[in-house]
Structures are given as structure tokens and as C-alpha cells.
Amino acid sequence: MEVFFRAQDALKSFRETRLSALRPLGEFFDYNKISRPADANSAISRITYNTRYFSGNYLVIIGSLAVYALLTNTTLLIALIFLIGGFIAINRFGADPIQVGDRTVTQKHLYTGLFVIGIPLLFFASPFSTIFWLIGASGMVILTHACLNEPGVESEYATVTEAV
């Protein structure tokens, strides 16, 4: 029960810190502000400003792509459900040794069985290619948006207030 409350507090603090920076969709998808940067310096300054300004929106994009990656890689989804469900089941029901015939099955034996089945299943699901796809796809989407989206007028004043 304590773990549930800690997870709830962590989710609440994440929502207050990161998702409070979520910008409206009209501002995020404003096609009037899309233009090609003049040179590499302006592209870098746009990326720097927009990644800070739209950080909440970019986290939602990464989360959405992660859910999409899990849903399209069913083997990985099954392997993760098996491993996480196995950990939960062993912690909840396998604390006491179980007598099966003339053998005693302890929690250590259950974890060993879970790893013997779960780790090859997870390896077969190719999680590294999914992680690299997620990094590449989210990086491409975020950097393209951040580079092509013109910063607002408030970005011009940000350097003035930092200098003062």
C-alpha cells in the first residue's frame, strides 16, 4: 500500500512540474510560425528555445511514441507483462515456501524460474531496436518541430532580461 502512495505522490509531482509546462495545441501546431531558419546559428537558437518552451508537449510526444512502439511490438509487450506480472505475483503470493510433493519451492526458486523464462523471451522481443527506434523517431520529430517553429516575441526579451 505504501508503494501505491509513493507512486501516486511521484505522479502528482511529475504532473505539477512537467505537465504544467504543456502548451495549448493551437500554439504548438501554429503553421503560421513555421519557416526555414536562415543559418545554423538561428536553427540552434530556435532548437534551444523551443525545447525549453515546449518541453511538456515534447514529453507527451515521446510518451505517445513509446506507447505506439509497445503496441506494435506485441512480443515485447507480452514479455514485459510476463516479467512485471511475475514479479507482482511472486511478491504477493510467493513469500512463504510452498510444498510440492517432496520438494519445497521458495521465493528464490520462483524468481529463478521467472528469469529463466522471462529473460530469453525479453531478448527475443528485441527491446534494443525498439529503444533505438523510439530515440530516433522522437528525436527526428522534436528536432524538426523545434527547428522549423519560429520562437515567439517573448524569446527576444529573454536575452534582454538575462543581461540585466
N, C-alpha and C. Protein backbone atom coordinates (compact mmCIF):
# COMPACT_ATOMS: atom_id res chain seq x y z
N MET A 1 0.82 -1.18 0.00
CA MET A 1 0.00 0.00 0.00
C MET A 1 0.87 1.25 0.00
N GLU A 2 1.99 1.16 0.69
CA GLU A 2 2.91 2.30 0.76
C GLU A 2 3.50 2.61 -0.61
N VAL A 3 3.75 1.58 -1.39
CA VAL A 3 4.28 1.77 -2.75
C VAL A 3 3.27 2.51 -3.60
N PHE A 4 2.00 2.20 -3.43
CA PHE A 4 0.94 2.88 -4.18
C PHE A 4 0.93 4.36 -3.86
N PHE A 5 1.06 4.71 -2.59
CA PHE A 5 1.05 6.12 -2.20
C PHE A 5 2.30 6.85 -2.70
N ARG A 6 3.45 6.17 -2.68
CA ARG A 6 4.67 6.79 -3.21
C ARG A 6 4.55 7.02 -4.71
N ALA A 7 3.98 6.05 -5.43
CA ALA A 7 3.79 6.20 -6.87
C ALA A 7 2.80 7.32 -7.16
N GLN A 8 1.77 7.43 -6.35
CA GLN A 8 0.79 8.49 -6.53
C GLN A 8 1.42 9.86 -6.29
N ASP A 9 2.27 9.98 -5.27
CA ASP A 9 2.96 11.25 -5.00
C ASP A 9 3.94 11.60 -6.11
N ALA A 10 4.64 10.60 -6.63
CA ALA A 10 5.58 10.84 -7.73
C ALA A 10 4.84 11.30 -8.98
N LEU A 11 3.70 10.69 -9.26
CA LEU A 11 2.89 11.08 -10.41
C LEU A 11 2.35 12.49 -10.24
N LYS A 12 1.96 12.83 -9.03
CA LYS A 12 1.45 14.17 -8.75
C LYS A 12 2.54 15.22 -8.93
N SER A 13 3.74 14.96 -8.44
CA SER A 13 4.83 15.92 -8.60
C SER A 13 5.26 16.03 -10.05
N PHE A 14 5.23 14.91 -10.80
CA PHE A 14 5.54 14.95 -12.23
C PHE A 14 4.52 15.80 -12.97
N ARG A 15 3.25 15.63 -12.62
CA ARG A 15 2.20 16.40 -13.27
C ARG A 15 2.35 17.89 -12.96
N GLU A 16 2.73 18.21 -11.73
CA GLU A 16 2.86 19.61 -11.34
C GLU A 16 4.08 20.26 -11.98
N THR A 17 5.17 19.52 -12.14
CA THR A 17 6.39 20.12 -12.67
C THR A 17 6.45 20.10 -14.19
N ARG A 18 6.29 18.92 -14.78
CA ARG A 18 6.48 18.78 -16.23
C ARG A 18 5.24 19.09 -17.05
N LEU A 19 4.12 18.57 -16.63
CA LEU A 19 2.92 18.75 -17.44
C LEU A 19 2.28 20.11 -17.23
N SER A 20 2.75 20.87 -16.25
CA SER A 20 2.27 22.23 -16.12
C SER A 20 2.83 23.11 -17.25
N ALA A 21 3.91 22.66 -17.86
CA ALA A 21 4.51 23.39 -18.98
C ALA A 21 3.88 23.01 -20.31
N LEU A 22 2.80 22.25 -20.30
CA LEU A 22 2.13 21.85 -21.52
C LEU A 22 1.49 23.05 -22.18
N ARG A 23 1.85 23.31 -23.42
CA ARG A 23 1.33 24.46 -24.15
C ARG A 23 0.09 24.04 -24.93
N PRO A 24 -0.79 24.99 -25.24
CA PRO A 24 -2.01 24.65 -26.00
C PRO A 24 -1.67 24.12 -27.39
N LEU A 25 -2.55 23.24 -27.91
CA LEU A 25 -2.30 22.64 -29.22
C LEU A 25 -2.31 23.68 -30.32
N GLY A 26 -3.12 24.72 -30.19
CA GLY A 26 -3.15 25.78 -31.20
C GLY A 26 -1.81 26.49 -31.30
N GLU A 27 -1.15 26.65 -30.19
CA GLU A 27 0.17 27.28 -30.17
C GLU A 27 1.24 26.30 -30.65
N PHE A 28 1.09 25.04 -30.29
CA PHE A 28 2.08 24.03 -30.68
C PHE A 28 2.04 23.74 -32.17
N PHE A 29 0.84 23.72 -32.76
CA PHE A 29 0.68 23.42 -34.18
C PHE A 29 0.37 24.67 -35.01
N ASP A 30 0.90 25.81 -34.61
CA ASP A 30 0.66 27.05 -35.34
C ASP A 30 1.47 27.04 -36.63
N TYR A 31 0.80 26.79 -37.76
CA TYR A 31 1.51 26.70 -39.04
C TYR A 31 1.94 28.06 -39.58
N ASN A 32 1.44 29.15 -39.01
CA ASN A 32 1.88 30.48 -39.43
C ASN A 32 3.30 30.79 -38.94
N LYS A 33 3.74 30.10 -37.90
CA LYS A 33 5.06 30.35 -37.34
C LYS A 33 6.13 29.41 -37.89
N ILE A 34 5.78 28.60 -38.89
CA ILE A 34 6.75 27.66 -39.45
C ILE A 34 7.51 28.33 -40.59
N SER A 35 8.82 28.30 -40.48
CA SER A 35 9.67 28.85 -41.54
C SER A 35 11.05 28.19 -41.44
N ARG A 36 11.77 28.28 -42.52
CA ARG A 36 13.11 27.71 -42.56
C ARG A 36 14.08 28.67 -41.88
N PRO A 37 14.95 28.18 -41.01
CA PRO A 37 15.92 29.08 -40.37
C PRO A 37 16.93 29.60 -41.39
N ALA A 38 17.43 30.81 -41.14
CA ALA A 38 18.35 31.45 -42.08
C ALA A 38 19.70 30.75 -42.12
N ASP A 39 20.21 30.36 -40.96
CA ASP A 39 21.52 29.70 -40.92
C ASP A 39 21.54 28.74 -39.73
N ALA A 40 22.69 28.12 -39.52
CA ALA A 40 22.81 27.12 -38.46
C ALA A 40 22.67 27.75 -37.08
N ASN A 41 23.18 28.97 -36.90
CA ASN A 41 23.07 29.62 -35.59
C ASN A 41 21.62 29.90 -35.22
N SER A 42 20.83 30.35 -36.16
CA SER A 42 19.41 30.60 -35.86
C SER A 42 18.67 29.28 -35.63
N ALA A 43 19.07 28.23 -36.34
CA ALA A 43 18.45 26.91 -36.11
C ALA A 43 18.77 26.42 -34.70
N ILE A 44 20.00 26.58 -34.26
CA ILE A 44 20.38 26.15 -32.91
C ILE A 44 19.66 26.98 -31.85
N SER A 45 19.54 28.28 -32.08
CA SER A 45 18.84 29.12 -31.10
C SER A 45 17.35 28.77 -31.06
N ARG A 46 16.76 28.44 -32.22
CA ARG A 46 15.36 28.01 -32.23
C ARG A 46 15.19 26.69 -31.47
N ILE A 47 16.10 25.75 -31.71
CA ILE A 47 16.02 24.45 -31.02
C ILE A 47 16.17 24.64 -29.53
N THR A 48 17.11 25.48 -29.12
CA THR A 48 17.33 25.73 -27.70
C THR A 48 16.08 26.34 -27.05
N TYR A 49 15.51 27.34 -27.68
CA TYR A 49 14.33 28.00 -27.10
C TYR A 49 13.12 27.07 -27.11
N ASN A 50 12.86 26.44 -28.26
CA ASN A 50 11.64 25.64 -28.38
C ASN A 50 11.67 24.37 -27.53
N THR A 51 12.84 23.78 -27.32
CA THR A 51 12.88 22.59 -26.47
C THR A 51 12.58 22.95 -25.01
N ARG A 52 12.93 24.14 -24.59
CA ARG A 52 12.56 24.58 -23.24
C ARG A 52 11.09 24.98 -23.19
N TYR A 53 10.65 25.71 -24.20
CA TYR A 53 9.30 26.26 -24.19
C TYR A 53 8.23 25.17 -24.35
N PHE A 54 8.48 24.21 -25.22
CA PHE A 54 7.51 23.14 -25.48
C PHE A 54 7.92 21.82 -24.82
N SER A 55 8.64 21.86 -23.71
CA SER A 55 9.14 20.63 -23.10
C SER A 55 8.02 19.68 -22.69
N GLY A 56 6.93 20.20 -22.18
CA GLY A 56 5.80 19.34 -21.82
C GLY A 56 5.19 18.66 -23.02
N ASN A 57 5.04 19.41 -24.11
CA ASN A 57 4.49 18.83 -25.34
C ASN A 57 5.41 17.76 -25.91
N TYR A 58 6.70 17.99 -25.82
CA TYR A 58 7.64 17.00 -26.34
C TYR A 58 7.64 15.73 -25.49
N LEU A 59 7.42 15.86 -24.19
CA LEU A 59 7.30 14.68 -23.34
C LEU A 59 6.06 13.86 -23.70
N VAL A 60 4.98 14.55 -24.05
CA VAL A 60 3.77 13.84 -24.49
C VAL A 60 4.03 13.11 -25.80
N ILE A 61 4.79 13.72 -26.70
CA ILE A 61 5.13 13.06 -27.97
C ILE A 61 5.97 11.81 -27.72
N ILE A 62 6.96 11.92 -26.83
CA ILE A 62 7.80 10.76 -26.52
C ILE A 62 6.96 9.66 -25.88
N GLY A 63 6.08 10.02 -24.97
CA GLY A 63 5.20 9.03 -24.35
C GLY A 63 4.28 8.36 -25.35
N SER A 64 3.73 9.15 -26.27
CA SER A 64 2.85 8.59 -27.29
C SER A 64 3.60 7.64 -28.21
N LEU A 65 4.80 8.01 -28.60
CA LEU A 65 5.60 7.12 -29.45
C LEU A 65 6.00 5.85 -28.70
N ALA A 66 6.24 5.95 -27.40
CA ALA A 66 6.59 4.77 -26.61
C ALA A 66 5.40 3.81 -26.52
N VAL A 67 4.20 4.35 -26.32
CA VAL A 67 3.01 3.51 -26.29
C VAL A 67 2.79 2.86 -27.66
N TYR A 68 2.98 3.62 -28.73
CA TYR A 68 2.84 3.07 -30.08
C TYR A 68 3.86 1.96 -30.31
N ALA A 69 5.08 2.16 -29.86
CA ALA A 69 6.12 1.14 -30.05
C ALA A 69 5.78 -0.14 -29.29
N LEU A 70 5.25 0.00 -28.08
CA LEU A 70 4.86 -1.19 -27.32
C LEU A 70 3.67 -1.91 -27.94
N LEU A 71 2.73 -1.15 -28.45
CA LEU A 71 1.54 -1.78 -29.05
C LEU A 71 1.85 -2.47 -30.37
N THR A 72 2.84 -1.97 -31.10
CA THR A 72 3.18 -2.60 -32.38
C THR A 72 4.17 -3.74 -32.20
N ASN A 73 4.89 -3.79 -31.11
CA ASN A 73 5.80 -4.90 -30.83
C ASN A 73 5.16 -5.77 -29.76
N THR A 74 4.26 -6.65 -30.20
CA THR A 74 3.47 -7.43 -29.24
C THR A 74 4.34 -8.41 -28.44
N THR A 75 5.42 -8.90 -29.02
CA THR A 75 6.29 -9.81 -28.28
C THR A 75 6.92 -9.09 -27.09
N LEU A 76 7.34 -7.88 -27.30
CA LEU A 76 7.91 -7.09 -26.20
C LEU A 76 6.85 -6.79 -25.15
N LEU A 77 5.65 -6.48 -25.59
CA LEU A 77 4.56 -6.21 -24.65
C LEU A 77 4.24 -7.45 -23.81
N ILE A 78 4.19 -8.61 -24.46
CA ILE A 78 3.93 -9.85 -23.73
C ILE A 78 5.06 -10.16 -22.75
N ALA A 79 6.31 -9.96 -23.19
CA ALA A 79 7.45 -10.22 -22.31
C ALA A 79 7.44 -9.30 -21.09
N LEU A 80 7.13 -8.03 -21.30
CA LEU A 80 7.09 -7.09 -20.17
C LEU A 80 5.93 -7.41 -19.23
N ILE A 81 4.77 -7.76 -19.78
CA ILE A 81 3.64 -8.14 -18.93
C ILE A 81 3.98 -9.40 -18.14
N PHE A 82 4.65 -10.36 -18.79
CA PHE A 82 5.04 -11.59 -18.11
C PHE A 82 6.01 -11.31 -16.96
N LEU A 83 7.03 -10.50 -17.22
CA LEU A 83 8.02 -10.21 -16.18
C LEU A 83 7.44 -9.37 -15.04
N ILE A 84 6.72 -8.32 -15.38
CA ILE A 84 6.15 -7.45 -14.34
C ILE A 84 5.08 -8.20 -13.56
N GLY A 85 4.23 -8.93 -14.28
CA GLY A 85 3.21 -9.74 -13.60
C GLY A 85 3.82 -10.82 -12.74
N GLY A 86 4.92 -11.42 -13.20
CA GLY A 86 5.61 -12.43 -12.40
C GLY A 86 6.18 -11.85 -11.12
N PHE A 87 6.81 -10.67 -11.21
CA PHE A 87 7.33 -10.02 -10.00
C PHE A 87 6.21 -9.71 -9.02
N ILE A 88 5.10 -9.19 -9.53
CA ILE A 88 3.98 -8.85 -8.65
C ILE A 88 3.41 -10.10 -8.01
N ALA A 89 3.23 -11.16 -8.81
CA ALA A 89 2.66 -12.40 -8.28
C ALA A 89 3.58 -13.05 -7.25
N ILE A 90 4.88 -13.06 -7.52
CA ILE A 90 5.82 -13.67 -6.57
C ILE A 90 5.87 -12.87 -5.28
N ASN A 91 5.88 -11.55 -5.38
CA ASN A 91 5.91 -10.74 -4.16
C ASN A 91 4.62 -10.86 -3.36
N ARG A 92 3.51 -11.01 -4.03
CA ARG A 92 2.23 -11.08 -3.33
C ARG A 92 1.94 -12.47 -2.77
N PHE A 93 2.18 -13.52 -3.58
CA PHE A 93 1.75 -14.86 -3.19
C PHE A 93 2.89 -15.81 -2.84
N GLY A 94 4.12 -15.51 -3.23
CA GLY A 94 5.21 -16.46 -3.05
C GLY A 94 6.14 -16.16 -1.90
N ALA A 95 5.70 -15.42 -0.92
CA ALA A 95 6.58 -15.07 0.20
C ALA A 95 6.89 -16.29 1.06
N ASP A 96 5.91 -17.15 1.24
CA ASP A 96 6.11 -18.35 2.05
C ASP A 96 6.50 -19.52 1.15
N PRO A 97 7.38 -20.40 1.63
CA PRO A 97 7.74 -21.58 0.84
C PRO A 97 6.52 -22.49 0.62
N ILE A 98 6.46 -23.08 -0.56
CA ILE A 98 5.34 -23.95 -0.94
C ILE A 98 5.86 -25.37 -1.03
N GLN A 99 5.12 -26.30 -0.45
CA GLN A 99 5.49 -27.71 -0.51
C GLN A 99 4.80 -28.35 -1.72
N VAL A 100 5.59 -28.82 -2.71
CA VAL A 100 5.06 -29.50 -3.89
C VAL A 100 5.66 -30.91 -3.89
N GLY A 101 4.85 -31.87 -3.53
CA GLY A 101 5.36 -33.24 -3.42
C GLY A 101 6.36 -33.32 -2.29
N ASP A 102 7.56 -33.80 -2.61
CA ASP A 102 8.61 -33.87 -1.59
C ASP A 102 9.59 -32.71 -1.70
N ARG A 103 9.28 -31.72 -2.55
CA ARG A 103 10.15 -30.55 -2.74
C ARG A 103 9.54 -29.30 -2.12
N THR A 104 10.42 -28.42 -1.68
CA THR A 104 9.99 -27.13 -1.16
C THR A 104 10.40 -26.05 -2.16
N VAL A 105 9.41 -25.28 -2.63
CA VAL A 105 9.67 -24.21 -3.60
C VAL A 105 9.69 -22.89 -2.83
N THR A 106 10.85 -22.23 -2.85
CA THR A 106 10.99 -20.96 -2.14
C THR A 106 10.84 -19.80 -3.13
N GLN A 107 10.87 -18.60 -2.58
CA GLN A 107 10.77 -17.41 -3.41
C GLN A 107 11.97 -17.31 -4.35
N LYS A 108 13.12 -17.76 -3.92
CA LYS A 108 14.32 -17.76 -4.75
C LYS A 108 14.13 -18.66 -5.97
N HIS A 109 13.51 -19.82 -5.79
CA HIS A 109 13.25 -20.72 -6.92
C HIS A 109 12.26 -20.09 -7.91
N LEU A 110 11.27 -19.39 -7.39
CA LEU A 110 10.29 -18.74 -8.26
C LEU A 110 10.94 -17.62 -9.10
N TYR A 111 11.79 -16.83 -8.46
CA TYR A 111 12.50 -15.78 -9.21
C TYR A 111 13.43 -16.38 -10.26
N THR A 112 14.09 -17.49 -9.92
CA THR A 112 14.97 -18.15 -10.88
C THR A 112 14.16 -18.65 -12.09
N GLY A 113 13.03 -19.25 -11.84
CA GLY A 113 12.17 -19.70 -12.94
C GLY A 113 11.66 -18.55 -13.78
N LEU A 114 11.32 -17.44 -13.12
CA LEU A 114 10.86 -16.26 -13.85
C LEU A 114 11.96 -15.73 -14.76
N PHE A 115 13.19 -15.66 -14.25
CA PHE A 115 14.30 -15.18 -15.06
C PHE A 115 14.67 -16.14 -16.18
N VAL A 116 14.61 -17.44 -15.91
CA VAL A 116 14.98 -18.42 -16.94
C VAL A 116 14.01 -18.35 -18.12
N ILE A 117 12.75 -18.08 -17.85
CA ILE A 117 11.77 -17.97 -18.93
C ILE A 117 11.70 -16.53 -19.47
N GLY A 118 11.72 -15.55 -18.58
CA GLY A 118 11.48 -14.16 -18.98
C GLY A 118 12.61 -13.48 -19.71
N ILE A 119 13.84 -13.73 -19.31
CA ILE A 119 14.98 -13.04 -19.95
C ILE A 119 15.15 -13.48 -21.41
N PRO A 120 15.11 -14.78 -21.74
CA PRO A 120 15.17 -15.13 -23.17
C PRO A 120 13.98 -14.60 -23.97
N LEU A 121 12.80 -14.59 -23.34
CA LEU A 121 11.63 -14.04 -24.02
C LEU A 121 11.81 -12.55 -24.27
N LEU A 122 12.36 -11.84 -23.31
CA LEU A 122 12.63 -10.42 -23.47
C LEU A 122 13.70 -10.20 -24.53
N PHE A 123 14.73 -11.02 -24.53
CA PHE A 123 15.79 -10.88 -25.53
C PHE A 123 15.26 -11.15 -26.93
N PHE A 124 14.36 -12.13 -27.06
CA PHE A 124 13.75 -12.46 -28.33
C PHE A 124 12.87 -11.32 -28.85
N ALA A 125 12.33 -10.50 -27.95
CA ALA A 125 11.44 -9.41 -28.32
C ALA A 125 12.18 -8.19 -28.86
N SER A 126 13.48 -8.21 -28.87
CA SER A 126 14.36 -7.14 -29.37
C SER A 126 14.02 -5.76 -28.79
N PRO A 127 14.25 -5.59 -27.48
CA PRO A 127 13.94 -4.29 -26.87
C PRO A 127 14.91 -3.19 -27.31
N PHE A 128 16.13 -3.56 -27.69
CA PHE A 128 17.09 -2.53 -28.07
C PHE A 128 16.70 -1.86 -29.37
N SER A 129 16.19 -2.62 -30.33
CA SER A 129 15.75 -1.98 -31.57
C SER A 129 14.55 -1.07 -31.32
N THR A 130 13.69 -1.45 -30.39
CA THR A 130 12.55 -0.59 -30.04
C THR A 130 13.02 0.68 -29.36
N ILE A 131 13.99 0.57 -28.48
CA ILE A 131 14.53 1.76 -27.80
C ILE A 131 15.21 2.68 -28.80
N PHE A 132 16.01 2.11 -29.71
CA PHE A 132 16.69 2.94 -30.70
C PHE A 132 15.69 3.57 -31.67
N TRP A 133 14.62 2.84 -32.02
CA TRP A 133 13.58 3.43 -32.86
C TRP A 133 12.92 4.59 -32.14
N LEU A 134 12.63 4.41 -30.85
CA LEU A 134 12.00 5.47 -30.07
C LEU A 134 12.89 6.70 -29.98
N ILE A 135 14.18 6.49 -29.76
CA ILE A 135 15.11 7.63 -29.70
C ILE A 135 15.17 8.34 -31.05
N GLY A 136 15.28 7.58 -32.12
CA GLY A 136 15.38 8.18 -33.45
C GLY A 136 14.11 8.88 -33.88
N ALA A 137 12.97 8.25 -33.69
CA ALA A 137 11.70 8.84 -34.12
C ALA A 137 11.36 10.08 -33.31
N SER A 138 11.51 10.00 -32.00
CA SER A 138 11.19 11.17 -31.18
C SER A 138 12.20 12.29 -31.42
N GLY A 139 13.47 11.95 -31.58
CA GLY A 139 14.46 12.98 -31.88
C GLY A 139 14.19 13.67 -33.20
N MET A 140 13.81 12.90 -34.20
CA MET A 140 13.53 13.49 -35.51
C MET A 140 12.30 14.41 -35.46
N VAL A 141 11.24 13.96 -34.81
CA VAL A 141 10.03 14.77 -34.73
C VAL A 141 10.28 16.03 -33.91
N ILE A 142 10.93 15.88 -32.77
CA ILE A 142 11.15 17.02 -31.88
C ILE A 142 12.12 18.03 -32.51
N LEU A 143 13.22 17.55 -33.05
CA LEU A 143 14.19 18.48 -33.64
C LEU A 143 13.63 19.17 -34.88
N THR A 144 12.83 18.47 -35.67
CA THR A 144 12.22 19.10 -36.84
C THR A 144 11.25 20.18 -36.41
N HIS A 145 10.41 19.89 -35.44
CA HIS A 145 9.46 20.90 -34.96
C HIS A 145 10.19 22.08 -34.33
N ALA A 146 11.18 21.79 -33.50
CA ALA A 146 11.90 22.86 -32.80
C ALA A 146 12.68 23.73 -33.78
N CYS A 147 13.19 23.14 -34.83
CA CYS A 147 13.99 23.90 -35.80
C CYS A 147 13.12 24.75 -36.71
N LEU A 148 11.97 24.24 -37.12
CA LEU A 148 11.13 24.95 -38.08
C LEU A 148 10.17 25.93 -37.44
N ASN A 149 9.92 25.82 -36.16
CA ASN A 149 8.96 26.69 -35.48
C ASN A 149 9.67 27.96 -35.01
N GLU A 150 9.18 29.10 -35.48
CA GLU A 150 9.77 30.37 -35.07
C GLU A 150 9.43 30.66 -33.61
N PRO A 151 10.41 31.09 -32.83
CA PRO A 151 10.11 31.46 -31.43
C PRO A 151 9.23 32.70 -31.39
N GLY A 152 8.46 32.83 -30.33
CA GLY A 152 7.60 33.98 -30.17
C GLY A 152 8.39 35.23 -29.84
N VAL A 153 7.68 36.32 -29.70
CA VAL A 153 8.30 37.60 -29.39
C VAL A 153 8.96 37.57 -28.02
N GLU A 154 8.40 36.79 -27.10
CA GLU A 154 8.95 36.74 -25.75
C GLU A 154 10.36 36.18 -25.73
N SER A 155 10.75 35.43 -26.76
CA SER A 155 12.12 34.90 -26.80
C SER A 155 13.14 36.00 -27.04
N GLU A 156 12.74 37.06 -27.72
CA GLU A 156 13.64 38.19 -27.94
C GLU A 156 13.93 38.92 -26.64
N TYR A 157 12.96 38.96 -25.74
CA TYR A 157 13.12 39.66 -24.48
C TYR A 157 13.81 38.80 -23.44
N ALA A 158 13.89 37.51 -23.66
CA ALA A 158 14.52 36.62 -22.69
C ALA A 158 16.01 36.94 -22.57
N THR A 159 16.66 37.27 -23.68
CA THR A 159 18.08 37.60 -23.62
C THR A 159 18.30 38.96 -22.97
N VAL A 160 17.34 39.88 -23.12
CA VAL A 160 17.47 41.20 -22.51
C VAL A 160 17.35 41.09 -21.00
N THR A 161 16.40 40.29 -20.51
CA THR A 161 16.24 40.16 -19.05
C THR A 161 17.40 39.41 -18.43
N GLU A 162 18.01 38.48 -19.17
CA GLU A 162 19.18 37.78 -18.64
C GLU A 162 20.39 38.70 -18.55
N ALA A 163 20.50 39.67 -19.46
CA ALA A 163 21.63 40.59 -19.47
C ALA A 163 21.51 41.63 -18.36
N VAL A 164 20.29 41.96 -17.97
CA VAL A 164 20.06 43.00 -16.95
C VAL A 164 20.18 42.41 -15.60
